[in-house]
Amino acid sequence: MTYENDEQERAWTETSAMVSPALLGAAAGLILGEVMHANARRGIAIGLAALGVAALMPLTVAGIVNKVNGPRTKRGVQRRLRGIRDAGDGFVEDSLSETGVV
């Protein structure tokens, strides 16, 4: 994953996390309000509450994934070491072939 894609993903999850309290607040307002008929109000409130919970899911999943695969976990350290080891594969051979030694 490139740095740019990581930044876009982070911006999207942060935006959805900011929207969810507004949706949950609107749902609570509709439940408590007396503007609409009770059955209509309840249906819209449940829908908005579901959207609010769904908007929090990317942030929750990202947090759980970071706890499991983060850089300070055993799996994260192993992934980092594997990336460092794989980055050097073929470098020496390529360098020697360019100089004409091999």
PDB file of N, CA and C in Angstrom:
ATOM      1  N   MET A   1       0.856  -1.177   0.000  1.00  0.00           N
ATOM      2  CA  MET A   1       0.000   0.000   0.000  1.00  0.00           C
ATOM      3  C   MET A   1       0.898   1.235   0.000  1.00  0.00           C
ATOM      4  N   THR A   2       0.644   2.164  -0.882  1.00  0.00           N
ATOM      5  CA  THR A   2       1.465   3.359  -0.954  1.00  0.00           C
ATOM      6  C   THR A   2       1.041   4.370   0.092  1.00  0.00           C
ATOM      7  N   TYR A   3       1.920   5.338   0.289  1.00  0.00           N
ATOM      8  CA  TYR A   3       1.669   6.367   1.290  1.00  0.00           C
ATOM      9  C   TYR A   3       0.419   7.170   0.942  1.00  0.00           C
ATOM     10  N   GLU A   4       0.236   7.474  -0.337  1.00  0.00           N
ATOM     11  CA  GLU A   4      -0.920   8.266  -0.765  1.00  0.00           C
ATOM     12  C   GLU A   4      -2.232   7.520  -0.507  1.00  0.00           C
ATOM     13  N   ASN A   5      -2.269   6.223  -0.819  1.00  0.00           N
ATOM     14  CA  ASN A   5      -3.476   5.429  -0.565  1.00  0.00           C
ATOM     15  C   ASN A   5      -3.762   5.336   0.923  1.00  0.00           C
ATOM     16  N   ASP A   6      -2.701   5.225   1.736  1.00  0.00           N
ATOM     17  CA  ASP A   6      -2.870   5.160   3.183  1.00  0.00           C
ATOM     18  C   ASP A   6      -3.475   6.455   3.712  1.00  0.00           C
ATOM     19  N   GLU A   7      -3.012   7.585   3.191  1.00  0.00           N
ATOM     20  CA  GLU A   7      -3.559   8.882   3.614  1.00  0.00           C
ATOM     21  C   GLU A   7      -5.020   9.031   3.196  1.00  0.00           C
ATOM     22  N   GLN A   8      -5.364   8.569   1.991  1.00  0.00           N
ATOM     23  CA  GLN A   8      -6.750   8.649   1.537  1.00  0.00           C
ATOM     24  C   GLN A   8      -7.644   7.772   2.393  1.00  0.00           C
ATOM     25  N   GLU A   9      -7.175   6.575   2.730  1.00  0.00           N
ATOM     26  CA  GLU A   9      -7.949   5.665   3.574  1.00  0.00           C
ATOM     27  C   GLU A   9      -8.154   6.270   4.955  1.00  0.00           C
ATOM     28  N   ARG A  10      -7.108   6.864   5.512  1.00  0.00           N
ATOM     29  CA  ARG A  10      -7.209   7.473   6.834  1.00  0.00           C
ATOM     30  C   ARG A  10      -8.189   8.649   6.804  1.00  0.00           C
ATOM     31  N   ALA A  11      -8.151   9.466   5.762  1.00  0.00           N
ATOM     32  CA  ALA A  11      -9.059  10.603   5.657  1.00  0.00           C
ATOM     33  C   ALA A  11     -10.506  10.119   5.567  1.00  0.00           C
ATOM     34  N   TRP A  12     -10.733   9.041   4.830  1.00  0.00           N
ATOM     35  CA  TRP A  12     -12.094   8.523   4.681  1.00  0.00           C
ATOM     36  C   TRP A  12     -12.619   8.009   6.010  1.00  0.00           C
ATOM     37  N   THR A  13     -11.799   7.269   6.760  1.00  0.00           N
ATOM     38  CA  THR A  13     -12.266   6.731   8.030  1.00  0.00           C
ATOM     39  C   THR A  13     -12.476   7.830   9.059  1.00  0.00           C
ATOM     40  N   GLU A  14     -11.630   8.854   9.043  1.00  0.00           N
ATOM     41  CA  GLU A  14     -11.819   9.965   9.970  1.00  0.00           C
ATOM     42  C   GLU A  14     -13.082  10.749   9.639  1.00  0.00           C
ATOM     43  N   THR A  15     -13.374  10.906   8.357  1.00  0.00           N
ATOM     44  CA  THR A  15     -14.587  11.609   7.950  1.00  0.00           C
ATOM     45  C   THR A  15     -15.823  10.836   8.384  1.00  0.00           C
ATOM     46  N   SER A  16     -15.796   9.524   8.187  1.00  0.00           N
ATOM     47  CA  SER A  16     -16.960   8.734   8.592  1.00  0.00           C
ATOM     48  C   SER A  16     -17.122   8.746  10.112  1.00  0.00           C
ATOM     49  N   ALA A  17     -16.024   8.821  10.843  1.00  0.00           N
ATOM     50  CA  ALA A  17     -16.109   8.893  12.298  1.00  0.00           C
ATOM     51  C   ALA A  17     -16.686  10.229  12.748  1.00  0.00           C
ATOM     52  N   MET A  18     -16.466  11.288  11.976  1.00  0.00           N
ATOM     53  CA  MET A  18     -17.026  12.588  12.338  1.00  0.00           C
ATOM     54  C   MET A  18     -18.514  12.677  12.005  1.00  0.00           C
ATOM     55  N   VAL A  19     -18.948  11.945  10.991  1.00  0.00           N
ATOM     56  CA  VAL A  19     -20.339  11.996  10.564  1.00  0.00           C
ATOM     57  C   VAL A  19     -21.241  11.194  11.499  1.00  0.00           C
ATOM     58  N   SER A  20     -20.719  10.116  12.064  1.00  0.00           N
ATOM     59  CA  SER A  20     -21.566   9.219  12.857  1.00  0.00           C
ATOM     60  C   SER A  20     -22.211   9.885  14.074  1.00  0.00           C
ATOM     61  N   PRO A  21     -21.539  10.763  14.838  1.00  0.00           N
ATOM     62  CA  PRO A  21     -22.255  11.402  15.943  1.00  0.00           C
ATOM     63  C   PRO A  21     -23.428  12.263  15.476  1.00  0.00           C
ATOM     64  N   ALA A  22     -23.266  12.891  14.321  1.00  0.00           N
ATOM     65  CA  ALA A  22     -24.369  13.693  13.790  1.00  0.00           C
ATOM     66  C   ALA A  22     -25.563  12.812  13.441  1.00  0.00           C
ATOM     67  N   LEU A  23     -25.295  11.671  12.823  1.00  0.00           N
ATOM     68  CA  LEU A  23     -26.392  10.753  12.485  1.00  0.00           C
ATOM     69  C   LEU A  23     -27.055  10.199  13.738  1.00  0.00           C
ATOM     70  N   LEU A  24     -26.246   9.845  14.729  1.00  0.00           N
ATOM     71  CA  LEU A  24     -26.820   9.342  15.972  1.00  0.00           C
ATOM     72  C   LEU A  24     -27.613  10.441  16.699  1.00  0.00           C
ATOM     73  N   GLY A  25     -27.139  11.677  16.639  1.00  0.00           N
ATOM     74  CA  GLY A  25     -27.873  12.790  17.243  1.00  0.00           C
ATOM     75  C   GLY A  25     -29.189  13.047  16.539  1.00  0.00           C
ATOM     76  N   ALA A  26     -29.167  12.966  15.210  1.00  0.00           N
ATOM     77  CA  ALA A  26     -30.407  13.145  14.455  1.00  0.00           C
ATOM     78  C   ALA A  26     -31.397  12.033  14.784  1.00  0.00           C
ATOM     79  N   ALA A  27     -30.901  10.818  14.951  1.00  0.00           N
ATOM     80  CA  ALA A  27     -31.775   9.706  15.310  1.00  0.00           C
ATOM     81  C   ALA A  27     -32.405   9.938  16.681  1.00  0.00           C
ATOM     82  N   ALA A  28     -31.607  10.396  17.628  1.00  0.00           N
ATOM     83  CA  ALA A  28     -32.144  10.674  18.964  1.00  0.00           C
ATOM     84  C   ALA A  28     -33.160  11.807  18.920  1.00  0.00           C
ATOM     85  N   GLY A  29     -32.893  12.830  18.116  1.00  0.00           N
ATOM     86  CA  GLY A  29     -33.828  13.945  17.986  1.00  0.00           C
ATOM     87  C   GLY A  29     -35.162  13.513  17.412  1.00  0.00           C
ATOM     88  N   LEU A  30     -35.110  12.619  16.437  1.00  0.00           N
ATOM     89  CA  LEU A  30     -36.352  12.133  15.848  1.00  0.00           C
ATOM     90  C   LEU A  30     -37.141  11.263  16.825  1.00  0.00           C
ATOM     91  N   ILE A  31     -36.435  10.492  17.610  1.00  0.00           N
ATOM     92  CA  ILE A  31     -37.135   9.658  18.588  1.00  0.00           C
ATOM     93  C   ILE A  31     -37.825  10.533  19.630  1.00  0.00           C
ATOM     94  N   LEU A  32     -37.140  11.590  20.058  1.00  0.00           N
ATOM     95  CA  LEU A  32     -37.682  12.440  21.106  1.00  0.00           C
ATOM     96  C   LEU A  32     -38.642  13.505  20.581  1.00  0.00           C
ATOM     97  N   GLY A  33     -38.551  13.820  19.292  1.00  0.00           N
ATOM     98  CA  GLY A  33     -39.394  14.879  18.732  1.00  0.00           C
ATOM     99  C   GLY A  33     -40.832  14.455  18.551  1.00  0.00           C
ATOM    100  N   GLU A  34     -41.695  15.427  18.479  1.00  0.00           N
ATOM    101  CA  GLU A  34     -43.130  15.174  18.318  1.00  0.00           C
ATOM    102  C   GLU A  34     -43.643  15.697  16.976  1.00  0.00           C
ATOM    103  N   VAL A  35     -42.751  15.881  16.028  1.00  0.00           N
ATOM    104  CA  VAL A  35     -43.137  16.476  14.754  1.00  0.00           C
ATOM    105  C   VAL A  35     -43.852  15.471  13.846  1.00  0.00           C
ATOM    106  N   MET A  36     -43.403  14.225  13.864  1.00  0.00           N
ATOM    107  CA  MET A  36     -43.960  13.224  12.957  1.00  0.00           C
ATOM    108  C   MET A  36     -44.755  12.186  13.747  1.00  0.00           C
ATOM    109  N   HIS A  37     -45.485  11.412  12.998  1.00  0.00           N
ATOM    110  CA  HIS A  37     -46.225  10.299  13.592  1.00  0.00           C
ATOM    111  C   HIS A  37     -45.215   9.318  14.201  1.00  0.00           C
ATOM    112  N   ALA A  38     -45.587   8.675  15.275  1.00  0.00           N
ATOM    113  CA  ALA A  38     -44.661   7.825  16.038  1.00  0.00           C
ATOM    114  C   ALA A  38     -44.061   6.703  15.196  1.00  0.00           C
ATOM    115  N   ASN A  39     -44.871   6.048  14.369  1.00  0.00           N
ATOM    116  CA  ASN A  39     -44.344   4.943  13.559  1.00  0.00           C
ATOM    117  C   ASN A  39     -43.357   5.435  12.505  1.00  0.00           C
ATOM    118  N   ALA A  40     -43.658   6.559  11.859  1.00  0.00           N
ATOM    119  CA  ALA A  40     -42.747   7.118  10.864  1.00  0.00           C
ATOM    120  C   ALA A  40     -41.460   7.588  11.528  1.00  0.00           C
ATOM    121  N   ARG A  41     -41.582   8.209  12.665  1.00  0.00           N
ATOM    122  CA  ARG A  41     -40.423   8.716  13.404  1.00  0.00           C
ATOM    123  C   ARG A  41     -39.516   7.558  13.827  1.00  0.00           C
ATOM    124  N   ARG A  42     -40.104   6.481  14.284  1.00  0.00           N
ATOM    125  CA  ARG A  42     -39.327   5.337  14.754  1.00  0.00           C
ATOM    126  C   ARG A  42     -38.549   4.700  13.606  1.00  0.00           C
ATOM    127  N   GLY A  43     -39.183   4.542  12.452  1.00  0.00           N
ATOM    128  CA  GLY A  43     -38.509   3.939  11.299  1.00  0.00           C
ATOM    129  C   GLY A  43     -37.324   4.763  10.816  1.00  0.00           C
ATOM    130  N   ILE A  44     -37.522   6.076  10.713  1.00  0.00           N
ATOM    131  CA  ILE A  44     -36.433   6.947  10.281  1.00  0.00           C
ATOM    132  C   ILE A  44     -35.314   6.965  11.314  1.00  0.00           C
ATOM    133  N   ALA A  45     -35.677   6.985  12.578  1.00  0.00           N
ATOM    134  CA  ALA A  45     -34.671   7.000  13.643  1.00  0.00           C
ATOM    135  C   ALA A  45     -33.840   5.720  13.632  1.00  0.00           C
ATOM    136  N   ILE A  46     -34.464   4.592  13.419  1.00  0.00           N
ATOM    137  CA  ILE A  46     -33.723   3.331  13.367  1.00  0.00           C
ATOM    138  C   ILE A  46     -32.787   3.316  12.153  1.00  0.00           C
ATOM    139  N   GLY A  47     -33.257   3.829  11.034  1.00  0.00           N
ATOM    140  CA  GLY A  47     -32.408   3.905   9.842  1.00  0.00           C
ATOM    141  C   GLY A  47     -31.200   4.805  10.048  1.00  0.00           C
ATOM    142  N   LEU A  48     -31.422   5.974  10.652  1.00  0.00           N
ATOM    143  CA  LEU A  48     -30.305   6.883  10.912  1.00  0.00           C
ATOM    144  C   LEU A  48     -29.336   6.309  11.945  1.00  0.00           C
ATOM    145  N   ALA A  49     -29.860   5.623  12.935  1.00  0.00           N
ATOM    146  CA  ALA A  49     -28.988   4.980  13.923  1.00  0.00           C
ATOM    147  C   ALA A  49     -28.132   3.893  13.270  1.00  0.00           C
ATOM    148  N   ALA A  50     -28.726   3.144  12.363  1.00  0.00           N
ATOM    149  CA  ALA A  50     -27.967   2.115  11.648  1.00  0.00           C
ATOM    150  C   ALA A  50     -26.877   2.743  10.790  1.00  0.00           C
ATOM    151  N   LEU A  51     -27.175   3.869  10.139  1.00  0.00           N
ATOM    152  CA  LEU A  51     -26.156   4.574   9.354  1.00  0.00           C
ATOM    153  C   LEU A  51     -25.039   5.101  10.252  1.00  0.00           C
ATOM    154  N   GLY A  52     -25.383   5.578  11.425  1.00  0.00           N
ATOM    155  CA  GLY A  52     -24.369   6.064  12.362  1.00  0.00           C
ATOM    156  C   GLY A  52     -23.444   4.957  12.815  1.00  0.00           C
ATOM    157  N   VAL A  53     -23.994   3.804  13.116  1.00  0.00           N
ATOM    158  CA  VAL A  53     -23.168   2.663  13.520  1.00  0.00           C
ATOM    159  C   VAL A  53     -22.319   2.193  12.341  1.00  0.00           C
ATOM    160  N   ALA A  54     -22.898   2.169  11.142  1.00  0.00           N
ATOM    161  CA  ALA A  54     -22.145   1.761   9.957  1.00  0.00           C
ATOM    162  C   ALA A  54     -21.004   2.737   9.662  1.00  0.00           C
ATOM    163  N   ALA A  55     -21.215   4.018   9.951  1.00  0.00           N
ATOM    164  CA  ALA A  55     -20.158   5.000   9.719  1.00  0.00           C
ATOM    165  C   ALA A  55     -18.996   4.817  10.688  1.00  0.00           C
ATOM    166  N   LEU A  56     -19.254   4.266  11.853  1.00  0.00           N
ATOM    167  CA  LEU A  56     -18.186   4.010  12.822  1.00  0.00           C
ATOM    168  C   LEU A  56     -17.412   2.724  12.534  1.00  0.00           C
ATOM    169  N   MET A  57     -17.957   1.841  11.724  1.00  0.00           N
ATOM    170  CA  MET A  57     -17.326   0.553  11.484  1.00  0.00           C
ATOM    171  C   MET A  57     -15.922   0.655  10.877  1.00  0.00           C
ATOM    172  N   PRO A  58     -15.660   1.503   9.876  1.00  0.00           N
ATOM    173  CA  PRO A  58     -14.292   1.565   9.337  1.00  0.00           C
ATOM    174  C   PRO A  58     -13.263   1.968  10.391  1.00  0.00           C
ATOM    175  N   LEU A  59     -13.626   2.890  11.250  1.00  0.00           N
ATOM    176  CA  LEU A  59     -12.709   3.316  12.304  1.00  0.00           C
ATOM    177  C   LEU A  59     -12.480   2.184  13.303  1.00  0.00           C
ATOM    178  N   THR A  60     -13.527   1.466  13.641  1.00  0.00           N
ATOM    179  CA  THR A  60     -13.412   0.349  14.564  1.00  0.00           C
ATOM    180  C   THR A  60     -12.560  -0.765  13.972  1.00  0.00           C
ATOM    181  N   VAL A  61     -12.812  -1.103  12.724  1.00  0.00           N
ATOM    182  CA  VAL A  61     -12.045  -2.162  12.070  1.00  0.00           C
ATOM    183  C   VAL A  61     -10.582  -1.753  11.946  1.00  0.00           C
ATOM    184  N   ALA A  62     -10.315  -0.503  11.595  1.00  0.00           N
ATOM    185  CA  ALA A  62      -8.927  -0.036  11.487  1.00  0.00           C
ATOM    186  C   ALA A  62      -8.228  -0.122  12.838  1.00  0.00           C
ATOM    187  N   GLY A  63      -8.911   0.204  13.895  1.00  0.00           N
ATOM    188  CA  GLY A  63      -8.317   0.102  15.225  1.00  0.00           C
ATOM    189  C   GLY A  63      -8.001  -1.330  15.602  1.00  0.00           C
ATOM    190  N   ILE A  64      -8.920  -2.240  15.297  1.00  0.00           N
ATOM    191  CA  ILE A  64      -8.691  -3.651  15.616  1.00  0.00           C
ATOM    192  C   ILE A  64      -7.545  -4.211  14.781  1.00  0.00           C
ATOM    193  N   VAL A  65      -7.499  -3.881  13.498  1.00  0.00           N
ATOM    194  CA  VAL A  65      -6.420  -4.353  12.633  1.00  0.00           C
ATOM    195  C   VAL A  65      -5.073  -3.812  13.121  1.00  0.00           C
ATOM    196  N   ASN A  66      -5.047  -2.563  13.559  1.00  0.00           N
ATOM    197  CA  ASN A  66      -3.807  -1.986  14.065  1.00  0.00           C
ATOM    198  C   ASN A  66      -3.362  -2.696  15.343  1.00  0.00           C
ATOM    199  N   LYS A  67      -4.305  -3.080  16.194  1.00  0.00           N
ATOM    200  CA  LYS A  67      -3.950  -3.818  17.416  1.00  0.00           C
ATOM    201  C   LYS A  67      -3.397  -5.197  17.094  1.00  0.00           C
ATOM    202  N   VAL A  68      -3.913  -5.835  16.049  1.00  0.00           N
ATOM    203  CA  VAL A  68      -3.474  -7.179  15.702  1.00  0.00           C
ATOM    204  C   VAL A  68      -2.198  -7.161  14.861  1.00  0.00           C
ATOM    205  N   ASN A  69      -2.129  -6.270  13.871  1.00  0.00           N
ATOM    206  CA  ASN A  69      -1.021  -6.244  12.920  1.00  0.00           C
ATOM    207  C   ASN A  69      -0.150  -5.006  13.034  1.00  0.00           C
ATOM    208  N   GLY A  70      -0.303  -4.229  14.089  1.00  0.00           N
ATOM    209  CA  GLY A  70       0.436  -2.980  14.214  1.00  0.00           C
ATOM    210  C   GLY A  70       1.933  -3.184  14.290  1.00  0.00           C
ATOM    211  N   PRO A  71       2.697  -2.103  14.148  1.00  0.00           N
ATOM    212  CA  PRO A  71       4.154  -2.204  14.121  1.00  0.00           C
ATOM    213  C   PRO A  71       4.755  -2.667  15.443  1.00  0.00           C
ATOM    214  N   ARG A  72       4.037  -2.561  16.536  1.00  0.00           N
ATOM    215  CA  ARG A  72       4.575  -2.965  17.833  1.00  0.00           C
ATOM    216  C   ARG A  72       4.167  -4.385  18.237  1.00  0.00           C
ATOM    217  N   THR A  73       3.444  -5.085  17.372  1.00  0.00           N
ATOM    218  CA  THR A  73       3.044  -6.450  17.673  1.00  0.00           C
ATOM    219  C   THR A  73       4.046  -7.426  17.059  1.00  0.00           C
ATOM    220  N   LYS A  74       3.957  -8.678  17.474  1.00  0.00           N
ATOM    221  CA  LYS A  74       4.865  -9.704  16.951  1.00  0.00           C
ATOM    222  C   LYS A  74       4.693  -9.860  15.436  1.00  0.00           C
ATOM    223  N   ARG A  75       3.451  -9.873  14.985  1.00  0.00           N
ATOM    224  CA  ARG A  75       3.198 -10.011  13.543  1.00  0.00           C
ATOM    225  C   ARG A  75       3.700  -8.802  12.766  1.00  0.00           C
ATOM    226  N   GLY A  76       3.557  -7.618  13.361  1.00  0.00           N
ATOM    227  CA  GLY A  76       4.040  -6.414  12.704  1.00  0.00           C
ATOM    228  C   GLY A  76       5.548  -6.397  12.568  1.00  0.00           C
ATOM    229  N   VAL A  77       6.237  -6.842  13.606  1.00  0.00           N
ATOM    230  CA  VAL A  77       7.704  -6.910  13.563  1.00  0.00           C
ATOM    231  C   VAL A  77       8.152  -7.920  12.519  1.00  0.00           C
ATOM    232  N   GLN A  78       7.496  -9.073  12.476  1.00  0.00           N
ATOM    233  CA  GLN A  78       7.849 -10.085  11.483  1.00  0.00           C
ATOM    234  C   GLN A  78       7.633  -9.568  10.066  1.00  0.00           C
ATOM    235  N   ARG A  79       6.528  -8.856   9.847  1.00  0.00           N
ATOM    236  CA  ARG A  79       6.247  -8.305   8.517  1.00  0.00           C
ATOM    237  C   ARG A  79       7.304  -7.281   8.121  1.00  0.00           C
ATOM    238  N   ARG A  80       7.704  -6.453   9.067  1.00  0.00           N
ATOM    239  CA  ARG A  80       8.733  -5.441   8.810  1.00  0.00           C
ATOM    240  C   ARG A  80      10.065  -6.088   8.455  1.00  0.00           C
ATOM    241  N   LEU A  81      10.467  -7.108   9.221  1.00  0.00           N
ATOM    242  CA  LEU A  81      11.722  -7.803   8.935  1.00  0.00           C
ATOM    243  C   LEU A  81      11.674  -8.502   7.583  1.00  0.00           C
ATOM    244  N   ARG A  82      10.551  -9.119   7.266  1.00  0.00           N
ATOM    245  CA  ARG A  82      10.399  -9.790   5.975  1.00  0.00           C
ATOM    246  C   ARG A  82      10.515  -8.774   4.841  1.00  0.00           C
ATOM    247  N   GLY A  83       9.939  -7.592   5.024  1.00  0.00           N
ATOM    248  CA  GLY A  83      10.042  -6.548   4.004  1.00  0.00           C
ATOM    249  C   GLY A  83      11.461  -6.063   3.828  1.00  0.00           C
ATOM    250  N   ILE A  84      12.197  -5.954   4.925  1.00  0.00           N
ATOM    251  CA  ILE A  84      13.597  -5.525   4.837  1.00  0.00           C
ATOM    252  C   ILE A  84      14.418  -6.587   4.132  1.00  0.00           C
ATOM    253  N   ARG A  85      14.189  -7.846   4.483  1.00  0.00           N
ATOM    254  CA  ARG A  85      14.939  -8.934   3.839  1.00  0.00           C
ATOM    255  C   ARG A  85      14.609  -9.034   2.358  1.00  0.00           C
ATOM    256  N   ASP A  86      13.348  -8.903   2.012  1.00  0.00           N
ATOM    257  CA  ASP A  86      12.938  -9.019   0.607  1.00  0.00           C
ATOM    258  C   ASP A  86      13.387  -7.832  -0.228  1.00  0.00           C
ATOM    259  N   ALA A  87      13.587  -6.697   0.384  1.00  0.00           N
ATOM    260  CA  ALA A  87      14.004  -5.504  -0.362  1.00  0.00           C
ATOM    261  C   ALA A  87      15.391  -5.678  -0.940  1.00  0.00           C
ATOM    262  N   GLY A  88      16.243  -6.461  -0.301  1.00  0.00           N
ATOM    263  CA  GLY A  88      17.609  -6.648  -0.778  1.00  0.00           C
ATOM    264  C   GLY A  88      17.775  -7.781  -1.754  1.00  0.00           C
ATOM    265  N   ASP A  89      16.724  -8.560  -2.014  1.00  0.00           N
ATOM    266  CA  ASP A  89      16.838  -9.704  -2.924  1.00  0.00           C
ATOM    267  C   ASP A  89      17.242  -9.251  -4.311  1.00  0.00           C
ATOM    268  N   GLY A  90      18.318  -9.811  -4.804  1.00  0.00           N
ATOM    269  CA  GLY A  90      18.762  -9.512  -6.156  1.00  0.00           C
ATOM    270  C   GLY A  90      19.567  -8.241  -6.282  1.00  0.00           C
ATOM    271  N   PHE A  91      19.706  -7.469  -5.227  1.00  0.00           N
ATOM    272  CA  PHE A  91      20.418  -6.195  -5.329  1.00  0.00           C
ATOM    273  C   PHE A  91      21.903  -6.412  -5.607  1.00  0.00           C
ATOM    274  N   VAL A  92      22.530  -7.348  -4.889  1.00  0.00           N
ATOM    275  CA  VAL A  92      23.961  -7.598  -5.063  1.00  0.00           C
ATOM    276  C   VAL A  92      24.220  -8.152  -6.461  1.00  0.00           C
ATOM    277  N   GLU A  93      23.387  -9.116  -6.868  1.00  0.00           N
ATOM    278  CA  GLU A  93      23.587  -9.709  -8.201  1.00  0.00           C
ATOM    279  C   GLU A  93      23.405  -8.664  -9.294  1.00  0.00           C
ATOM    280  N   ASP A  94      22.418  -7.802  -9.159  1.00  0.00           N
ATOM    281  CA  ASP A  94      22.197  -6.766 -10.158  1.00  0.00           C
ATOM    282  C   ASP A  94      23.357  -5.783 -10.199  1.00  0.00           C
ATOM    283  N   SER A  95      23.867  -5.438  -9.036  1.00  0.00           N
ATOM    284  CA  SER A  95      24.989  -4.494  -8.976  1.00  0.00           C
ATOM    285  C   SER A  95      26.236  -5.091  -9.599  1.00  0.00           C
ATOM    286  N   LEU A  96      26.489  -6.374  -9.329  1.00  0.00           N
ATOM    287  CA  LEU A  96      27.666  -7.028  -9.895  1.00  0.00           C
ATOM    288  C   LEU A  96      27.543  -7.200 -11.401  1.00  0.00           C
ATOM    289  N   SER A  97      26.335  -7.503 -11.885  1.00  0.00           N
ATOM    290  CA  SER A  97      26.162  -7.671 -13.326  1.00  0.00           C
ATOM    291  C   SER A  97      26.302  -6.348 -14.062  1.00  0.00           C
ATOM    292  N   GLU A  98      25.925  -5.249 -13.438  1.00  0.00           N
ATOM    293  CA  GLU A  98      26.084  -3.925 -14.056  1.00  0.00           C
ATOM    294  C   GLU A  98      27.546  -3.543 -14.188  1.00  0.00           C
ATOM    295  N   THR A  99      28.362  -3.958 -13.218  1.00  0.00           N
ATOM    296  CA  THR A  99      29.784  -3.604 -13.257  1.00  0.00           C
ATOM    297  C   THR A  99      30.584  -4.577 -14.124  1.00  0.00           C
ATOM    298  N   GLY A 100      29.965  -5.691 -14.519  1.00  0.00           N
ATOM    299  CA  GLY A 100      30.624  -6.649 -15.391  1.00  0.00           C
ATOM    300  C   GLY A 100      31.418  -7.704 -14.640  1.00  0.00           C
ATOM    301  N   VAL A 101      31.281  -7.779 -13.334  1.00  0.00           N
ATOM    302  CA  VAL A 101      32.010  -8.756 -12.534  1.00  0.00           C
ATOM    303  C   VAL A 101      31.445 -10.156 -12.743  1.00  0.00           C
ATOM    304  N   VAL A 102      30.131 -10.249 -12.848  1.00  0.00           N
ATOM    305  CA  VAL A 102      29.490 -11.559 -12.976  1.00  0.00           C
ATOM    306  C   VAL A 102      29.138 -11.849 -14.399  1.00  0.00           C
TER     307      VAL A 102
END
